[in-house]
Amino acid sequence: MSRISTTPLHANGFVVQVHGSIMEVMNDPSAMAELKQQWMRSPVMIFRRQCLDEPDLVRFTEYFGRCETSGRKDIQSPYHEQIIYFSTLKYNDGRFVGGFYWRLSLCQALRHDERHRVARQGKS
């Protein structure tokens, strides 16, 4: 009997939503084996509304293989190098938390470039 309940989110089963608690699955070797089999059929698995601390997140992902680390130290967790932060939040000192700040910088650069091109076209 299946311990893992899923709902397909893509016509060919490439993406599934997995129902249930990651912590319960992690603590049940047969459920974890079943989840790995599901992963072979559906390489994108979505687990909604999970609350894991960083050590549990790393432990869970390592069931599927070794976690790679990023060369960008500015977005890595200070506690676990396998975890990267994506956020638009800032620390009190003004530094960004994680890796979305580049979008703001890129948008600002593109707006500046656009204003520069419009100004040059107006002078022609």
PDB file of N, CA and C in Angstrom:
ATOM      1  N   MET A   1       0.841  -1.178   0.000  1.00  0.00           N
ATOM      2  CA  MET A   1       0.000   0.000   0.000  1.00  0.00           C
ATOM      3  C   MET A   1       0.895   1.254   0.000  1.00  0.00           C
ATOM      4  N   SER A   2       0.536   2.213  -0.792  1.00  0.00           N
ATOM      5  CA  SER A   2       1.328   3.425  -0.960  1.00  0.00           C
ATOM      6  C   SER A   2       1.207   4.339   0.259  1.00  0.00           C
ATOM      7  N   ARG A   3       2.372   4.805   0.740  1.00  0.00           N
ATOM      8  CA  ARG A   3       2.390   5.764   1.843  1.00  0.00           C
ATOM      9  C   ARG A   3       2.422   7.197   1.309  1.00  0.00           C
ATOM     10  N   ILE A   4       2.837   7.344   0.049  1.00  0.00           N
ATOM     11  CA  ILE A   4       3.019   8.659  -0.540  1.00  0.00           C
ATOM     12  C   ILE A   4       1.824   8.973  -1.440  1.00  0.00           C
ATOM     13  N   SER A   5       1.141  10.066  -1.124  1.00  0.00           N
ATOM     14  CA  SER A   5       0.005  10.512  -1.926  1.00  0.00           C
ATOM     15  C   SER A   5       0.459  11.703  -2.766  1.00  0.00           C
ATOM     16  N   THR A   6       0.171  11.647  -4.066  1.00  0.00           N
ATOM     17  CA  THR A   6       0.570  12.733  -4.966  1.00  0.00           C
ATOM     18  C   THR A   6      -0.590  13.144  -5.855  1.00  0.00           C
ATOM     19  N   THR A   7      -0.496  14.370  -6.365  1.00  0.00           N
ATOM     20  CA  THR A   7      -1.432  14.876  -7.359  1.00  0.00           C
ATOM     21  C   THR A   7      -0.609  15.389  -8.533  1.00  0.00           C
ATOM     22  N   PRO A   8      -0.865  14.871  -9.742  1.00  0.00           N
ATOM     23  CA  PRO A   8      -0.121  15.379 -10.905  1.00  0.00           C
ATOM     24  C   PRO A   8      -0.459  16.850 -11.158  1.00  0.00           C
ATOM     25  N   LEU A   9       0.563  17.643 -11.439  1.00  0.00           N
ATOM     26  CA  LEU A   9       0.369  19.052 -11.761  1.00  0.00           C
ATOM     27  C   LEU A   9       0.776  19.355 -13.194  1.00  0.00           C
ATOM     28  N   HIS A  10       1.106  18.326 -13.935  1.00  0.00           N
ATOM     29  CA  HIS A  10       1.525  18.463 -15.329  1.00  0.00           C
ATOM     30  C   HIS A  10       0.958  17.265 -16.074  1.00  0.00           C
ATOM     31  N   ALA A  11       0.577  17.470 -17.303  1.00  0.00           N
ATOM     32  CA  ALA A  11      -0.123  16.425 -18.074  1.00  0.00           C
ATOM     33  C   ALA A  11       0.640  15.106 -18.136  1.00  0.00           C
ATOM     34  N   ASN A  12       1.951  15.150 -18.268  1.00  0.00           N
ATOM     35  CA  ASN A  12       2.703  13.896 -18.411  1.00  0.00           C
ATOM     36  C   ASN A  12       3.285  13.389 -17.097  1.00  0.00           C
ATOM     37  N   GLY A  13       2.898  13.993 -15.962  1.00  0.00           N
ATOM     38  CA  GLY A  13       3.377  13.543 -14.664  1.00  0.00           C
ATOM     39  C   GLY A  13       4.762  14.041 -14.299  1.00  0.00           C
ATOM     40  N   PHE A  14       5.302  14.954 -15.080  1.00  0.00           N
ATOM     41  CA  PHE A  14       6.641  15.494 -14.819  1.00  0.00           C
ATOM     42  C   PHE A  14       6.678  16.227 -13.477  1.00  0.00           C
ATOM     43  N   VAL A  15       5.572  16.890 -13.122  1.00  0.00           N
ATOM     44  CA  VAL A  15       5.471  17.641 -11.875  1.00  0.00           C
ATOM     45  C   VAL A  15       4.330  17.062 -11.049  1.00  0.00           C
ATOM     46  N   VAL A  16       4.613  16.785  -9.766  1.00  0.00           N
ATOM     47  CA  VAL A  16       3.571  16.322  -8.856  1.00  0.00           C
ATOM     48  C   VAL A  16       3.637  17.098  -7.560  1.00  0.00           C
ATOM     49  N   GLN A  17       2.484  17.234  -6.938  1.00  0.00           N
ATOM     50  CA  GLN A  17       2.427  17.751  -5.581  1.00  0.00           C
ATOM     51  C   GLN A  17       2.429  16.551  -4.653  1.00  0.00           C
ATOM     52  N   VAL A  18       3.311  16.564  -3.673  1.00  0.00           N
ATOM     53  CA  VAL A  18       3.370  15.481  -2.693  1.00  0.00           C
ATOM     54  C   VAL A  18       2.629  15.944  -1.452  1.00  0.00           C
ATOM     55  N   HIS A  19       1.673  15.132  -1.011  1.00  0.00           N
ATOM     56  CA  HIS A  19       0.871  15.463   0.162  1.00  0.00           C
ATOM     57  C   HIS A  19       1.492  14.790   1.386  1.00  0.00           C
ATOM     58  N   GLY A  20       1.520  15.505   2.471  1.00  0.00           N
ATOM     59  CA  GLY A  20       2.057  14.936   3.701  1.00  0.00           C
ATOM     60  C   GLY A  20       3.273  15.695   4.182  1.00  0.00           C
ATOM     61  N   SER A  21       3.785  15.228   5.283  1.00  0.00           N
ATOM     62  CA  SER A  21       4.876  15.898   5.971  1.00  0.00           C
ATOM     63  C   SER A  21       6.233  15.333   5.551  1.00  0.00           C
ATOM     64  N   ILE A  22       7.138  16.214   5.180  1.00  0.00           N
ATOM     65  CA  ILE A  22       8.497  15.784   4.842  1.00  0.00           C
ATOM     66  C   ILE A  22       9.137  15.108   6.046  1.00  0.00           C
ATOM     67  N   MET A  23       8.920  15.646   7.234  1.00  0.00           N
ATOM     68  CA  MET A  23       9.531  15.067   8.430  1.00  0.00           C
ATOM     69  C   MET A  23       9.056  13.632   8.661  1.00  0.00           C
ATOM     70  N   GLU A  24       7.778  13.356   8.427  1.00  0.00           N
ATOM     71  CA  GLU A  24       7.277  11.995   8.585  1.00  0.00           C
ATOM     72  C   GLU A  24       7.884  11.058   7.556  1.00  0.00           C
ATOM     73  N   VAL A  25       8.014  11.541   6.321  1.00  0.00           N
ATOM     74  CA  VAL A  25       8.608  10.716   5.263  1.00  0.00           C
ATOM     75  C   VAL A  25      10.076  10.437   5.581  1.00  0.00           C
ATOM     76  N   MET A  26      10.806  11.466   6.036  1.00  0.00           N
ATOM     77  CA  MET A  26      12.229  11.296   6.337  1.00  0.00           C
ATOM     78  C   MET A  26      12.465  10.268   7.430  1.00  0.00           C
ATOM     79  N   ASN A  27      11.539  10.163   8.351  1.00  0.00           N
ATOM     80  CA  ASN A  27      11.715   9.242   9.478  1.00  0.00           C
ATOM     81  C   ASN A  27      11.155   7.856   9.208  1.00  0.00           C
ATOM     82  N   ASP A  28      10.730   7.589   7.979  1.00  0.00           N
ATOM     83  CA  ASP A  28      10.188   6.284   7.590  1.00  0.00           C
ATOM     84  C   ASP A  28      10.966   5.783   6.369  1.00  0.00           C
ATOM     85  N   PRO A  29      11.896   4.850   6.572  1.00  0.00           N
ATOM     86  CA  PRO A  29      12.736   4.394   5.447  1.00  0.00           C
ATOM     87  C   PRO A  29      11.949   3.854   4.252  1.00  0.00           C
ATOM     88  N   SER A  30      10.855   3.145   4.499  1.00  0.00           N
ATOM     89  CA  SER A  30      10.099   2.610   3.356  1.00  0.00           C
ATOM     90  C   SER A  30       9.380   3.741   2.613  1.00  0.00           C
ATOM     91  N   ALA A  31       8.888   4.742   3.334  1.00  0.00           N
ATOM     92  CA  ALA A  31       8.252   5.891   2.671  1.00  0.00           C
ATOM     93  C   ALA A  31       9.306   6.678   1.892  1.00  0.00           C
ATOM     94  N   MET A  32      10.503   6.781   2.429  1.00  0.00           N
ATOM     95  CA  MET A  32      11.571   7.494   1.725  1.00  0.00           C
ATOM     96  C   MET A  32      11.950   6.757   0.441  1.00  0.00           C
ATOM     97  N   ALA A  33      11.997   5.434   0.488  1.00  0.00           N
ATOM     98  CA  ALA A  33      12.282   4.642  -0.713  1.00  0.00           C
ATOM     99  C   ALA A  33      11.181   4.851  -1.751  1.00  0.00           C
ATOM    100  N   GLU A  34       9.935   4.898  -1.303  1.00  0.00           N
ATOM    101  CA  GLU A  34       8.809   5.143  -2.206  1.00  0.00           C
ATOM    102  C   GLU A  34       8.891   6.536  -2.827  1.00  0.00           C
ATOM    103  N   LEU A  35       9.299   7.514  -2.015  1.00  0.00           N
ATOM    104  CA  LEU A  35       9.441   8.876  -2.521  1.00  0.00           C
ATOM    105  C   LEU A  35      10.539   8.957  -3.580  1.00  0.00           C
ATOM    106  N   LYS A  36      11.621   8.226  -3.380  1.00  0.00           N
ATOM    107  CA  LYS A  36      12.696   8.209  -4.375  1.00  0.00           C
ATOM    108  C   LYS A  36      12.203   7.604  -5.689  1.00  0.00           C
ATOM    109  N   GLN A  37      11.369   6.565  -5.602  1.00  0.00           N
ATOM    110  CA  GLN A  37      10.790   5.981  -6.814  1.00  0.00           C
ATOM    111  C   GLN A  37       9.878   6.985  -7.511  1.00  0.00           C
ATOM    112  N   GLN A  38       9.104   7.720  -6.735  1.00  0.00           N
ATOM    113  CA  GLN A  38       8.242   8.763  -7.310  1.00  0.00           C
ATOM    114  C   GLN A  38       9.089   9.820  -8.001  1.00  0.00           C
ATOM    115  N   TRP A  39      10.207  10.172  -7.398  1.00  0.00           N
ATOM    116  CA  TRP A  39      11.127  11.170  -7.961  1.00  0.00           C
ATOM    117  C   TRP A  39      11.673  10.716  -9.314  1.00  0.00           C
ATOM    118  N   MET A  40      11.886   9.418  -9.475  1.00  0.00           N
ATOM    119  CA  MET A  40      12.365   8.900 -10.766  1.00  0.00           C
ATOM    120  C   MET A  40      11.299   9.079 -11.850  1.00  0.00           C
ATOM    121  N   ARG A  41      10.032   9.003 -11.475  1.00  0.00           N
ATOM    122  CA  ARG A  41       8.938   9.197 -12.431  1.00  0.00           C
ATOM    123  C   ARG A  41       8.597  10.676 -12.623  1.00  0.00           C
ATOM    124  N   SER A  42       8.719  11.448 -11.550  1.00  0.00           N
ATOM    125  CA  SER A  42       8.337  12.866 -11.552  1.00  0.00           C
ATOM    126  C   SER A  42       9.480  13.673 -10.942  1.00  0.00           C
ATOM    127  N   PRO A  43      10.377  14.168 -11.776  1.00  0.00           N
ATOM    128  CA  PRO A  43      11.567  14.839 -11.240  1.00  0.00           C
ATOM    129  C   PRO A  43      11.298  16.164 -10.542  1.00  0.00           C
ATOM    130  N   VAL A  44      10.115  16.737 -10.695  1.00  0.00           N
ATOM    131  CA  VAL A  44       9.771  17.955  -9.964  1.00  0.00           C
ATOM    132  C   VAL A  44       8.653  17.589  -8.987  1.00  0.00           C
ATOM    133  N   MET A  45       8.996  17.660  -7.702  1.00  0.00           N
ATOM    134  CA  MET A  45       8.027  17.344  -6.651  1.00  0.00           C
ATOM    135  C   MET A  45       7.838  18.585  -5.791  1.00  0.00           C
ATOM    136  N   ILE A  46       6.590  18.971  -5.609  1.00  0.00           N
ATOM    137  CA  ILE A  46       6.272  20.163  -4.821  1.00  0.00           C
ATOM    138  C   ILE A  46       5.686  19.710  -3.490  1.00  0.00           C
ATOM    139  N   PHE A  47       6.277  20.212  -2.419  1.00  0.00           N
ATOM    140  CA  PHE A  47       5.808  19.957  -1.067  1.00  0.00           C
ATOM    141  C   PHE A  47       5.311  21.293  -0.525  1.00  0.00           C
ATOM    142  N   ARG A  48       4.026  21.442  -0.406  1.00  0.00           N
ATOM    143  CA  ARG A  48       3.474  22.722   0.042  1.00  0.00           C
ATOM    144  C   ARG A  48       3.441  22.813   1.570  1.00  0.00           C
ATOM    145  N   ARG A  49       3.603  24.048   2.037  1.00  0.00           N
ATOM    146  CA  ARG A  49       3.434  24.399   3.455  1.00  0.00           C
ATOM    147  C   ARG A  49       4.255  23.515   4.397  1.00  0.00           C
ATOM    148  N   GLN A  50       5.542  23.417   4.111  1.00  0.00           N
ATOM    149  CA  GLN A  50       6.449  22.673   4.976  1.00  0.00           C
ATOM    150  C   GLN A  50       7.264  23.652   5.799  1.00  0.00           C
ATOM    151  N   CYS A  51       7.574  23.279   7.002  1.00  0.00           N
ATOM    152  CA  CYS A  51       8.393  24.123   7.870  1.00  0.00           C
ATOM    153  C   CYS A  51       9.585  23.277   8.329  1.00  0.00           C
ATOM    154  N   LEU A  52      10.716  23.492   7.680  1.00  0.00           N
ATOM    155  CA  LEU A  52      11.925  22.745   8.012  1.00  0.00           C
ATOM    156  C   LEU A  52      13.014  23.709   8.426  1.00  0.00           C
ATOM    157  N   ASP A  53      13.783  23.320   9.425  1.00  0.00           N
ATOM    158  CA  ASP A  53      14.952  24.141   9.724  1.00  0.00           C
ATOM    159  C   ASP A  53      16.078  23.713   8.769  1.00  0.00           C
ATOM    160  N   GLU A  54      17.134  24.478   8.731  1.00  0.00           N
ATOM    161  CA  GLU A  54      18.195  24.223   7.752  1.00  0.00           C
ATOM    162  C   GLU A  54      18.812  22.832   7.869  1.00  0.00           C
ATOM    163  N   PRO A  55      19.122  22.329   9.070  1.00  0.00           N
ATOM    164  CA  PRO A  55      19.695  20.974   9.134  1.00  0.00           C
ATOM    165  C   PRO A  55      18.758  19.908   8.554  1.00  0.00           C
ATOM    166  N   ASP A  56      17.454  20.026   8.820  1.00  0.00           N
ATOM    167  CA  ASP A  56      16.505  19.044   8.268  1.00  0.00           C
ATOM    168  C   ASP A  56      16.382  19.185   6.755  1.00  0.00           C
ATOM    169  N   LEU A  57      16.403  20.406   6.246  1.00  0.00           N
ATOM    170  CA  LEU A  57      16.338  20.618   4.800  1.00  0.00           C
ATOM    171  C   LEU A  57      17.542  19.986   4.108  1.00  0.00           C
ATOM    172  N   VAL A  58      18.727  20.185   4.650  1.00  0.00           N
ATOM    173  CA  VAL A  58      19.929  19.579   4.074  1.00  0.00           C
ATOM    174  C   VAL A  58      19.851  18.054   4.154  1.00  0.00           C
ATOM    175  N   ARG A  59      19.431  17.544   5.303  1.00  0.00           N
ATOM    176  CA  ARG A  59      19.319  16.088   5.475  1.00  0.00           C
ATOM    177  C   ARG A  59      18.334  15.494   4.471  1.00  0.00           C
ATOM    178  N   PHE A  60      17.201  16.162   4.274  1.00  0.00           N
ATOM    179  CA  PHE A  60      16.199  15.662   3.324  1.00  0.00           C
ATOM    180  C   PHE A  60      16.735  15.656   1.892  1.00  0.00           C
ATOM    181  N   THR A  61      17.327  16.753   1.479  1.00  0.00           N
ATOM    182  CA  THR A  61      17.798  16.826   0.096  1.00  0.00           C
ATOM    183  C   THR A  61      18.940  15.856  -0.167  1.00  0.00           C
ATOM    184  N   GLU A  62      19.738  15.552   0.853  1.00  0.00           N
ATOM    185  CA  GLU A  62      20.854  14.628   0.652  1.00  0.00           C
ATOM    186  C   GLU A  62      20.408  13.184   0.476  1.00  0.00           C
ATOM    187  N   TYR A  63      19.143  12.880   0.770  1.00  0.00           N
ATOM    188  CA  TYR A  63      18.612  11.554   0.442  1.00  0.00           C
ATOM    189  C   TYR A  63      18.610  11.341  -1.079  1.00  0.00           C
ATOM    190  N   PHE A  64      18.563  12.430  -1.834  1.00  0.00           N
ATOM    191  CA  PHE A  64      18.492  12.348  -3.293  1.00  0.00           C
ATOM    192  C   PHE A  64      19.852  12.524  -3.958  1.00  0.00           C
ATOM    193  N   GLY A  65      20.864  12.789  -3.191  1.00  0.00           N
ATOM    194  CA  GLY A  65      22.214  12.968  -3.721  1.00  0.00           C
ATOM    195  C   GLY A  65      22.935  14.079  -2.974  1.00  0.00           C
ATOM    196  N   ARG A  66      24.200  14.193  -3.251  1.00  0.00           N
ATOM    197  CA  ARG A  66      25.022  15.204  -2.581  1.00  0.00           C
ATOM    198  C   ARG A  66      24.563  16.595  -2.986  1.00  0.00           C
ATOM    199  N   CYS A  67      24.421  17.463  -2.016  1.00  0.00           N
ATOM    200  CA  CYS A  67      24.036  18.845  -2.285  1.00  0.00           C
ATOM    201  C   CYS A  67      25.249  19.610  -2.788  1.00  0.00           C
ATOM    202  N   GLU A  68      25.061  20.360  -3.839  1.00  0.00           N
ATOM    203  CA  GLU A  68      26.137  21.215  -4.328  1.00  0.00           C
ATOM    204  C   GLU A  68      26.106  22.532  -3.577  1.00  0.00           C
ATOM    205  N   THR A  69      27.216  23.229  -3.625  1.00  0.00           N
ATOM    206  CA  THR A  69      27.278  24.528  -2.978  1.00  0.00           C
ATOM    207  C   THR A  69      27.534  25.596  -4.029  1.00  0.00           C
ATOM    208  N   SER A  70      27.156  26.800  -3.692  1.00  0.00           N
ATOM    209  CA  SER A  70      27.333  27.926  -4.599  1.00  0.00           C
ATOM    210  C   SER A  70      28.693  28.560  -4.361  1.00  0.00           C
ATOM    211  N   GLY A  71      29.285  29.067  -5.415  1.00  0.00           N
ATOM    212  CA  GLY A  71      30.525  29.812  -5.275  1.00  0.00           C
ATOM    213  C   GLY A  71      30.283  31.212  -4.739  1.00  0.00           C
ATOM    214  N   ARG A  72      29.041  31.653  -4.781  1.00  0.00           N
ATOM    215  CA  ARG A  72      28.704  33.002  -4.295  1.00  0.00           C
ATOM    216  C   ARG A  72      28.455  32.949  -2.794  1.00  0.00           C
ATOM    217  N   LYS A  73      29.395  33.417  -2.053  1.00  0.00           N
ATOM    218  CA  LYS A  73      29.287  33.397  -0.591  1.00  0.00           C
ATOM    219  C   LYS A  73      28.251  34.400  -0.085  1.00  0.00           C
ATOM    220  N   ASP A  74      27.943  35.421  -0.877  1.00  0.00           N
ATOM    221  CA  ASP A  74      26.994  36.443  -0.418  1.00  0.00           C
ATOM    222  C   ASP A  74      25.565  35.940  -0.329  1.00  0.00           C
ATOM    223  N   ILE A  75      25.252  34.819  -0.971  1.00  0.00           N
ATOM    224  CA  ILE A  75      23.891  34.296  -0.894  1.00  0.00           C
ATOM    225  C   ILE A  75      23.811  33.002  -0.086  1.00  0.00           C
ATOM    226  N   GLN A  76      24.945  32.478   0.361  1.00  0.00           N
ATOM    227  CA  GLN A  76      24.942  31.244   1.145  1.00  0.00           C
ATOM    228  C   GLN A  76      24.488  31.484   2.568  1.00  0.00           C
ATOM    229  N   SER A  77      23.837  30.476   3.111  1.00  0.00           N
ATOM    230  CA  SER A  77      23.505  30.504   4.530  1.00  0.00           C
ATOM    231  C   SER A  77      24.803  30.529   5.328  1.00  0.00           C
ATOM    232  N   PRO A  78      24.852  31.303   6.393  1.00  0.00           N
ATOM    233  CA  PRO A  78      26.058  31.290   7.230  1.00  0.00           C
ATOM    234  C   PRO A  78      26.175  30.009   8.051  1.00  0.00           C
ATOM    235  N   TYR A  79      25.127  29.172   8.045  1.00  0.00           N
ATOM    236  CA  TYR A  79      25.098  27.969   8.868  1.00  0.00           C
ATOM    237  C   TYR A  79      25.294  26.693   8.060  1.00  0.00           C
ATOM    238  N   HIS A  80      24.820  26.676   6.807  1.00  0.00           N
ATOM    239  CA  HIS A  80      24.914  25.489   5.953  1.00  0.00           C
ATOM    240  C   HIS A  80      25.229  25.935   4.534  1.00  0.00           C
ATOM    241  N   GLU A  81      26.400  25.600   4.047  1.00  0.00           N
ATOM    242  CA  GLU A  81      26.816  26.080   2.726  1.00  0.00           C
ATOM    243  C   GLU A  81      25.969  25.527   1.592  1.00  0.00           C
ATOM    244  N   GLN A  82      25.191  24.478   1.845  1.00  0.00           N
ATOM    245  CA  GLN A  82      24.330  23.906   0.802  1.00  0.00           C
ATOM    246  C   GLN A  82      23.079  24.749   0.571  1.00  0.00           C
ATOM    247  N   ILE A  83      22.786  25.667   1.453  1.00  0.00           N
ATOM    248  CA  ILE A  83      21.562  26.464   1.362  1.00  0.00           C
ATOM    249  C   ILE A  83      21.905  27.869   0.896  1.00  0.00           C
ATOM    250  N   ILE A  84      21.125  28.344  -0.082  1.00  0.00           N
ATOM    251  CA  ILE A  84      21.285  29.726  -0.537  1.00  0.00           C
ATOM    252  C   ILE A  84      19.992  30.476  -0.245  1.00  0.00           C
ATOM    253  N   TYR A  85      20.134  31.745   0.031  1.00  0.00           N
ATOM    254  CA  TYR A  85      18.990  32.595   0.336  1.00  0.00           C
ATOM    255  C   TYR A  85      18.623  33.412  -0.887  1.00  0.00           C
ATOM    256  N   PHE A  86      17.329  33.447  -1.203  1.00  0.00           N
ATOM    257  CA  PHE A  86      16.787  34.322  -2.235  1.00  0.00           C
ATOM    258  C   PHE A  86      15.788  35.236  -1.547  1.00  0.00           C
ATOM    259  N   SER A  87      16.077  36.506  -1.518  1.00  0.00           N
ATOM    260  CA  SER A  87      15.225  37.425  -0.779  1.00  0.00           C
ATOM    261  C   SER A  87      15.470  38.848  -1.247  1.00  0.00           C
ATOM    262  N   THR A  88      14.476  39.686  -1.062  1.00  0.00           N
ATOM    263  CA  THR A  88      14.650  41.111  -1.290  1.00  0.00           C
ATOM    264  C   THR A  88      14.757  41.846   0.043  1.00  0.00           C
ATOM    265  N   LEU A  89      14.831  41.099   1.139  1.00  0.00           N
ATOM    266  CA  LEU A  89      14.984  41.700   2.457  1.00  0.00           C
ATOM    267  C   LEU A  89      16.398  42.234   2.628  1.00  0.00           C
ATOM    268  N   LYS A  90      16.549  43.169   3.565  1.00  0.00           N
ATOM    269  CA  LYS A  90      17.867  43.732   3.857  1.00  0.00           C
ATOM    270  C   LYS A  90      18.185  43.556   5.335  1.00  0.00           C
ATOM    271  N   TYR A  91      19.484  43.420   5.610  1.00  0.00           N
ATOM    272  CA  TYR A  91      19.952  43.462   6.992  1.00  0.00           C
ATOM    273  C   TYR A  91      19.832  44.900   7.495  1.00  0.00           C
ATOM    274  N   ASN A  92      19.974  45.098   8.791  1.00  0.00           N
ATOM    275  CA  ASN A  92      19.897  46.447   9.379  1.00  0.00           C
ATOM    276  C   ASN A  92      20.947  47.384   8.799  1.00  0.00           C
ATOM    277  N   ASP A  93      22.090  46.834   8.389  1.00  0.00           N
ATOM    278  CA  ASP A  93      23.152  47.692   7.860  1.00  0.00           C
ATOM    279  C   ASP A  93      22.976  48.014   6.371  1.00  0.00           C
ATOM    280  N   GLY A  94      21.863  47.568   5.763  1.00  0.00           N
ATOM    281  CA  GLY A  94      21.576  47.905   4.371  1.00  0.00           C
ATOM    282  C   GLY A  94      21.972  46.851   3.356  1.00  0.00           C
ATOM    283  N   ARG A  95      22.761  45.848   3.780  1.00  0.00           N
ATOM    284  CA  ARG A  95      23.129  44.779   2.848  1.00  0.00           C
ATOM    285  C   ARG A  95      21.913  43.899   2.579  1.00  0.00           C
ATOM    286  N   PHE A  96      21.831  43.375   1.347  1.00  0.00           N
ATOM    287  CA  PHE A  96      20.723  42.489   0.997  1.00  0.00           C
ATOM    288  C   PHE A  96      20.936  41.103   1.575  1.00  0.00           C
ATOM    289  N   VAL A  97      19.840  40.451   1.955  1.00  0.00           N
ATOM    290  CA  VAL A  97      19.853  39.066   2.394  1.00  0.00           C
ATOM    291  C   VAL A  97      19.601  38.227   1.156  1.00  0.00           C
ATOM    292  N   GLY A  98      20.570  37.480   0.698  1.00  0.00           N
ATOM    293  CA  GLY A  98      20.348  36.577  -0.408  1.00  0.00           C
ATOM    294  C   GLY A  98      20.552  37.156  -1.773  1.00  0.00           C
ATOM    295  N   GLY A  99      19.965  36.471  -2.778  1.00  0.00           N
ATOM    296  CA  GLY A  99      20.352  36.686  -4.149  1.00  0.00           C
ATOM    297  C   GLY A  99      19.431  37.434  -5.073  1.00  0.00           C
ATOM    298  N   PHE A 100      18.382  38.077  -4.601  1.00  0.00           N
ATOM    299  CA  PHE A 100      17.522  38.789  -5.543  1.00  0.00           C
ATOM    300  C   PHE A 100      17.936  40.229  -5.758  1.00  0.00           C
ATOM    301  N   TYR A 101      18.900  40.709  -5.002  1.00  0.00           N
ATOM    302  CA  TYR A 101      19.293  42.104  -5.144  1.00  0.00           C
ATOM    303  C   TYR A 101      19.814  42.405  -6.538  1.00  0.00           C
ATOM    304  N   TRP A 102      20.370  41.405  -7.232  1.00  0.00           N
ATOM    305  CA  TRP A 102      20.889  41.645  -8.584  1.00  0.00           C
ATOM    306  C   TRP A 102      19.786  42.116  -9.508  1.00  0.00           C
ATOM    307  N   ARG A 103      18.568  41.669  -9.296  1.00  0.00           N
ATOM    308  CA  ARG A 103      17.458  42.112 -10.150  1.00  0.00           C
ATOM    309  C   ARG A 103      17.230  43.597  -9.996  1.00  0.00           C
ATOM    310  N   LEU A 104      17.324  44.078  -8.760  1.00  0.00           N
ATOM    311  CA  LEU A 104      17.147  45.510  -8.542  1.00  0.00           C
ATOM    312  C   LEU A 104      18.261  46.286  -9.234  1.00  0.00           C
ATOM    313  N   SER A 105      19.492  45.814  -9.087  1.00  0.00           N
ATOM    314  CA  SER A 105      20.628  46.487  -9.722  1.00  0.00           C
ATOM    315  C   SER A 105      20.500  46.435 -11.241  1.00  0.00           C
ATOM    316  N   LEU A 106      20.108  45.287 -11.770  1.00  0.00           N
ATOM    317  CA  LEU A 106      19.953  45.139 -13.211  1.00  0.00           C
ATOM    318  C   LEU A 106      18.858  46.062 -13.725  1.00  0.00           C
ATOM    319  N   CYS A 107      17.735  46.105 -13.017  1.00  0.00           N
ATOM    320  CA  CYS A 107      16.643  46.988 -13.451  1.00  0.00           C
ATOM    321  C   CYS A 107      17.085  48.436 -13.425  1.00  0.00           C
ATOM    322  N   GLN A 108      17.810  48.825 -12.386  1.00  0.00           N
ATOM    323  CA  GLN A 108      18.298  50.197 -12.317  1.00  0.00           C
ATOM    324  C   GLN A 108      19.246  50.485 -13.474  1.00  0.00           C
ATOM    325  N   ALA A 109      20.117  49.521 -13.787  1.00  0.00           N
ATOM    326  CA  ALA A 109      21.066  49.710 -14.893  1.00  0.00           C
ATOM    327  C   ALA A 109      20.322  49.809 -16.222  1.00  0.00           C
ATOM    328  N   LEU A 110      19.306  48.982 -16.415  1.00  0.00           N
ATOM    329  CA  LEU A 110      18.555  49.025 -17.671  1.00  0.00           C
ATOM    330  C   LEU A 110      17.793  50.334 -17.803  1.00  0.00           C
ATOM    331  N   ARG A 111      17.208  50.813 -16.689  1.00  0.00           N
ATOM    332  CA  ARG A 111      16.509  52.091 -16.745  1.00  0.00           C
ATOM    333  C   ARG A 111      17.478  53.223 -17.066  1.00  0.00           C
ATOM    334  N   HIS A 112      18.651  53.182 -16.477  1.00  0.00           N
ATOM    335  CA  HIS A 112      19.660  54.206 -16.749  1.00  0.00           C
ATOM    336  C   HIS A 112      20.062  54.167 -18.223  1.00  0.00           C
ATOM    337  N   ASP A 113      20.298  52.942 -18.739  1.00  0.00           N
ATOM    338  CA  ASP A 113      20.685  52.792 -20.139  1.00  0.00           C
ATOM    339  C   ASP A 113      19.568  53.283 -21.054  1.00  0.00           C
ATOM    340  N   GLU A 114      18.316  52.974 -20.707  1.00  0.00           N
ATOM    341  CA  GLU A 114      17.185  53.398 -21.525  1.00  0.00           C
ATOM    342  C   GLU A 114      17.080  54.926 -21.547  1.00  0.00           C
ATOM    343  N   ARG A 115      17.242  55.539 -20.378  1.00  0.00           N
ATOM    344  CA  ARG A 115      17.193  57.009 -20.322  1.00  0.00           C
ATOM    345  C   ARG A 115      18.323  57.611 -21.166  1.00  0.00           C
ATOM    346  N   HIS A 116      19.488  56.994 -21.115  1.00  0.00           N
ATOM    347  CA  HIS A 116      20.640  57.478 -21.873  1.00  0.00           C
ATOM    348  C   HIS A 116      20.363  57.386 -23.380  1.00  0.00           C
ATOM    349  N   ARG A 117      19.796  56.244 -23.825  1.00  0.00           N
ATOM    350  CA  ARG A 117      19.503  56.079 -25.253  1.00  0.00           C
ATOM    351  C   ARG A 117      18.426  57.049 -25.720  1.00  0.00           C
ATOM    352  N   VAL A 118      17.381  57.239 -24.894  1.00  0.00           N
ATOM    353  CA  VAL A 118      16.326  58.181 -25.252  1.00  0.00           C
ATOM    354  C   VAL A 118      16.890  59.579 -25.356  1.00  0.00           C
ATOM    355  N   ALA A 119      17.755  59.971 -24.430  1.00  0.00           N
ATOM    356  CA  ALA A 119      18.373  61.288 -24.455  1.00  0.00           C
ATOM    357  C   ALA A 119      19.222  61.457 -25.712  1.00  0.00           C
ATOM    358  N   ARG A 120      19.967  60.421 -26.091  1.00  0.00           N
ATOM    359  CA  ARG A 120      20.812  60.520 -27.299  1.00  0.00           C
ATOM    360  C   ARG A 120      19.948  60.612 -28.549  1.00  0.00           C
ATOM    361  N   GLN A 121      18.841  59.851 -28.593  1.00  0.00           N
ATOM    362  CA  GLN A 121      17.979  59.892 -29.767  1.00  0.00           C
ATOM    363  C   GLN A 121      17.336  61.267 -29.912  1.00  0.00           C
ATOM    364  N   GLY A 122      17.018  61.906 -28.805  1.00  0.00           N
ATOM    365  CA  GLY A 122      16.407  63.231 -28.834  1.00  0.00           C
ATOM    366  C   GLY A 122      17.352  64.294 -29.338  1.00  0.00           C
ATOM    367  N   LYS A 123      18.671  64.053 -29.179  1.00  0.00           N
ATOM    368  CA  LYS A 123      19.656  65.039 -29.631  1.00  0.00           C
ATOM    369  C   LYS A 123      19.981  64.899 -31.113  1.00  0.00           C
ATOM    370  N   SER A 124      19.595  63.798 -31.707  1.00  0.00           N
ATOM    371  CA  SER A 124      19.951  63.578 -33.119  1.00  0.00           C
ATOM    372  C   SER A 124      19.165  64.452 -34.039  1.00  0.00           C
TER     373      SER A 124
END
